[in-house]
Amino acid sequence: MAAAFDLDSTLAALADPTRRRVVDLLREEPRRAGELADAFDMSRPAMSRHLRVLRTNGLVEEARDPEDARARVYQLCPEPIDELQIWISEVQRFWDDQLDSFRQLAEQKKAAAPKGRKR
């Protein structure tokens, strides 16, 4: 599935705790919508709404079950999570650089500070 992934949409889709838990379950294995609804003790229409948000934002895709062509099986799409990981890594690098600069400045000030006098 070739799509342009929007970080804001990915974060918005994952902002809901139920959808994050769906992603956690789908990390284990692809599942039918009914299985997901049962795992959450949720109505099928309610789970369908969550899956639609995840599907619309490219986080999951649906396929037909080879054993039952009427059933839809949902599985994760790695691309949006990969994009999110890249962004998180960039933010982490920024803060690592900032903290490293602060540490160096603190060490320079400590080294340049006059030594205390002995009495």
C-alpha atoms as a PDB file:
ATOM      1  CA  MET A   1       0.000   0.000   0.000  1.00  0.00           C
ATOM      2  CA  ALA A   2       1.704   3.170  -1.160  1.00  0.00           C
ATOM      3  CA  ALA A   3       0.533   6.204   0.752  1.00  0.00           C
ATOM      4  CA  ALA A   4       1.841   9.454   2.086  1.00  0.00           C
ATOM      5  CA  PHE A   5       1.848   9.250   5.854  1.00  0.00           C
ATOM      6  CA  ASP A   6       0.898  12.209   7.932  1.00  0.00           C
ATOM      7  CA  LEU A   7       2.516  12.276  11.360  1.00  0.00           C
ATOM      8  CA  ASP A   8      -0.333  14.338  12.825  1.00  0.00           C
ATOM      9  CA  SER A   9      -2.901  11.811  11.614  1.00  0.00           C
ATOM     10  CA  THR A  10      -0.873   8.925  12.978  1.00  0.00           C
ATOM     11  CA  LEU A  11      -0.583  10.592  16.380  1.00  0.00           C
ATOM     12  CA  ALA A  12      -4.297  11.484  16.387  1.00  0.00           C
ATOM     13  CA  ALA A  13      -5.247   7.897  15.552  1.00  0.00           C
ATOM     14  CA  LEU A  14      -2.989   6.567  18.301  1.00  0.00           C
ATOM     15  CA  ALA A  15      -4.217   9.108  20.859  1.00  0.00           C
ATOM     16  CA  ASP A  16      -7.123   6.829  21.706  1.00  0.00           C
ATOM     17  CA  PRO A  17      -6.163   4.109  24.220  1.00  0.00           C
ATOM     18  CA  THR A  18      -8.448   1.544  22.589  1.00  0.00           C
ATOM     19  CA  ARG A  19      -6.764   2.017  19.232  1.00  0.00           C
ATOM     20  CA  ARG A  20      -3.325   1.675  20.841  1.00  0.00           C
ATOM     21  CA  ARG A  21      -4.472  -1.591  22.404  1.00  0.00           C
ATOM     22  CA  VAL A  22      -5.762  -2.757  19.000  1.00  0.00           C
ATOM     23  CA  VAL A  23      -2.300  -2.047  17.573  1.00  0.00           C
ATOM     24  CA  ASP A  24      -0.777  -4.059  20.440  1.00  0.00           C
ATOM     25  CA  LEU A  25      -3.029  -7.036  19.644  1.00  0.00           C
ATOM     26  CA  LEU A  26      -2.294  -6.812  15.938  1.00  0.00           C
ATOM     27  CA  ARG A  27       1.446  -6.834  16.697  1.00  0.00           C
ATOM     28  CA  GLU A  28       0.950 -10.407  17.878  1.00  0.00           C
ATOM     29  CA  GLU A  29      -0.936 -11.568  14.776  1.00  0.00           C
ATOM     30  CA  PRO A  30      -3.539 -10.463  12.222  1.00  0.00           C
ATOM     31  CA  ARG A  31      -7.079 -10.758  13.572  1.00  0.00           C
ATOM     32  CA  ARG A  32     -10.663 -10.594  12.443  1.00  0.00           C
ATOM     33  CA  ALA A  33     -12.721  -7.584  13.461  1.00  0.00           C
ATOM     34  CA  GLY A  34     -14.961  -9.824  15.558  1.00  0.00           C
ATOM     35  CA  GLU A  35     -11.975 -11.206  17.460  1.00  0.00           C
ATOM     36  CA  LEU A  36     -10.852  -7.667  18.254  1.00  0.00           C
ATOM     37  CA  ALA A  37     -14.335  -6.665  19.402  1.00  0.00           C
ATOM     38  CA  ASP A  38     -14.523  -9.742  21.643  1.00  0.00           C
ATOM     39  CA  ALA A  39     -11.075  -9.007  23.112  1.00  0.00           C
ATOM     40  CA  PHE A  40     -12.364  -5.595  24.209  1.00  0.00           C
ATOM     41  CA  ASP A  41     -15.858  -6.747  25.185  1.00  0.00           C
ATOM     42  CA  MET A  42     -17.035  -4.140  22.685  1.00  0.00           C
ATOM     43  CA  SER A  43     -19.798  -4.134  20.126  1.00  0.00           C
ATOM     44  CA  ARG A  44     -18.776  -4.920  16.576  1.00  0.00           C
ATOM     45  CA  PRO A  45     -19.958  -1.519  15.265  1.00  0.00           C
ATOM     46  CA  ALA A  46     -17.859   0.261  17.914  1.00  0.00           C
ATOM     47  CA  MET A  47     -14.776  -1.774  16.977  1.00  0.00           C
ATOM     48  CA  SER A  48     -15.504  -1.114  13.326  1.00  0.00           C
ATOM     49  CA  ARG A  49     -15.290   2.634  13.986  1.00  0.00           C
ATOM     50  CA  HIS A  50     -11.884   2.230  15.650  1.00  0.00           C
ATOM     51  CA  LEU A  51     -10.641   0.057  12.793  1.00  0.00           C
ATOM     52  CA  ARG A  52     -11.880   2.593  10.255  1.00  0.00           C
ATOM     53  CA  VAL A  53      -9.799   5.326  11.936  1.00  0.00           C
ATOM     54  CA  LEU A  54      -6.731   3.084  11.974  1.00  0.00           C
ATOM     55  CA  ARG A  55      -7.311   2.028   8.359  1.00  0.00           C
ATOM     56  CA  THR A  56      -7.971   5.580   7.123  1.00  0.00           C
ATOM     57  CA  ASN A  57      -4.691   6.707   8.669  1.00  0.00           C
ATOM     58  CA  GLY A  58      -2.744   3.823   7.144  1.00  0.00           C
ATOM     59  CA  LEU A  59      -1.971   2.030  10.408  1.00  0.00           C
ATOM     60  CA  VAL A  60      -3.849  -1.149   9.500  1.00  0.00           C
ATOM     61  CA  GLU A  61      -5.003  -2.800   6.336  1.00  0.00           C
ATOM     62  CA  GLU A  62      -7.703  -5.328   5.790  1.00  0.00           C
ATOM     63  CA  ALA A  63      -7.535  -8.489   3.749  1.00  0.00           C
ATOM     64  CA  ARG A  64      -9.959 -11.287   3.098  1.00  0.00           C
ATOM     65  CA  ASP A  65      -9.564 -14.438   5.125  1.00  0.00           C
ATOM     66  CA  PRO A  66      -8.423 -17.161   2.709  1.00  0.00           C
ATOM     67  CA  GLU A  67     -10.619 -19.676   4.529  1.00  0.00           C
ATOM     68  CA  ASP A  68     -13.726 -17.444   4.582  1.00  0.00           C
ATOM     69  CA  ALA A  69     -13.903 -14.784   1.861  1.00  0.00           C
ATOM     70  CA  ARG A  70     -16.655 -12.964   3.783  1.00  0.00           C
ATOM     71  CA  ALA A  71     -14.420 -12.309   6.786  1.00  0.00           C
ATOM     72  CA  ARG A  72     -11.989  -9.412   6.976  1.00  0.00           C
ATOM     73  CA  VAL A  73      -8.650  -9.852   8.675  1.00  0.00           C
ATOM     74  CA  TYR A  74      -6.774  -6.803   9.927  1.00  0.00           C
ATOM     75  CA  GLN A  75      -3.004  -6.498  10.075  1.00  0.00           C
ATOM     76  CA  LEU A  76      -0.567  -3.717  10.877  1.00  0.00           C
ATOM     77  CA  CYS A  77       1.073  -1.546   8.264  1.00  0.00           C
ATOM     78  CA  PRO A  78       4.598  -0.652   9.390  1.00  0.00           C
ATOM     79  CA  GLU A  79       5.092   2.544   7.378  1.00  0.00           C
ATOM     80  CA  PRO A  80       3.284   5.046   9.660  1.00  0.00           C
ATOM     81  CA  ILE A  81       4.992   3.608  12.738  1.00  0.00           C
ATOM     82  CA  ASP A  82       8.340   3.797  10.936  1.00  0.00           C
ATOM     83  CA  GLU A  83       7.692   7.475  10.150  1.00  0.00           C
ATOM     84  CA  LEU A  84       6.743   8.086  13.782  1.00  0.00           C
ATOM     85  CA  GLN A  85       9.931   6.369  14.941  1.00  0.00           C
ATOM     86  CA  ILE A  86      12.023   8.556  12.633  1.00  0.00           C
ATOM     87  CA  TRP A  87      10.414  11.693  14.058  1.00  0.00           C
ATOM     88  CA  ILE A  88      10.888  10.507  17.648  1.00  0.00           C
ATOM     89  CA  SER A  89      14.546   9.723  16.902  1.00  0.00           C
ATOM     90  CA  GLU A  90      15.061  13.240  15.511  1.00  0.00           C
ATOM     91  CA  VAL A  91      13.497  14.806  18.602  1.00  0.00           C
ATOM     92  CA  GLN A  92      15.589  12.551  20.834  1.00  0.00           C
ATOM     93  CA  ARG A  93      18.773  13.565  18.979  1.00  0.00           C
ATOM     94  CA  PHE A  94      17.865  17.239  19.471  1.00  0.00           C
ATOM     95  CA  TRP A  95      17.451  16.807  23.237  1.00  0.00           C
ATOM     96  CA  ASP A  96      20.579  14.659  23.496  1.00  0.00           C
ATOM     97  CA  ASP A  97      22.530  17.444  21.750  1.00  0.00           C
ATOM     98  CA  GLN A  98      21.003  20.099  24.016  1.00  0.00           C
ATOM     99  CA  LEU A  99      21.811  18.145  27.177  1.00  0.00           C
ATOM    100  CA  ASP A 100      25.325  17.404  25.937  1.00  0.00           C
ATOM    101  CA  SER A 101      25.916  21.123  25.279  1.00  0.00           C
ATOM    102  CA  PHE A 102      24.586  21.981  28.738  1.00  0.00           C
ATOM    103  CA  ARG A 103      26.864  19.373  30.341  1.00  0.00           C
ATOM    104  CA  GLN A 104      29.887  20.764  28.507  1.00  0.00           C
ATOM    105  CA  LEU A 105      29.028  24.326  29.557  1.00  0.00           C
ATOM    106  CA  ALA A 106      28.580  23.257  33.185  1.00  0.00           C
ATOM    107  CA  GLU A 107      31.927  21.463  33.136  1.00  0.00           C
ATOM    108  CA  GLN A 108      33.654  24.517  31.613  1.00  0.00           C
ATOM    109  CA  LYS A 109      32.173  26.821  34.259  1.00  0.00           C
ATOM    110  CA  LYS A 110      33.161  24.423  37.011  1.00  0.00           C
ATOM    111  CA  ALA A 111      36.731  24.220  35.697  1.00  0.00           C
ATOM    112  CA  ALA A 112      36.985  28.017  35.365  1.00  0.00           C
ATOM    113  CA  ALA A 113      35.523  28.780  38.783  1.00  0.00           C
ATOM    114  CA  PRO A 114      38.013  30.007  41.383  1.00  0.00           C
ATOM    115  CA  LYS A 115      39.000  27.411  43.914  1.00  0.00           C
ATOM    116  CA  GLY A 116      37.820  27.910  47.459  1.00  0.00           C
ATOM    117  CA  ARG A 117      40.269  29.392  49.972  1.00  0.00           C
ATOM    118  CA  LYS A 118      41.685  27.308  52.791  1.00  0.00           C
ATOM    119  CA  ARG A 119      41.436  28.683  56.294  1.00  0.00           C
END
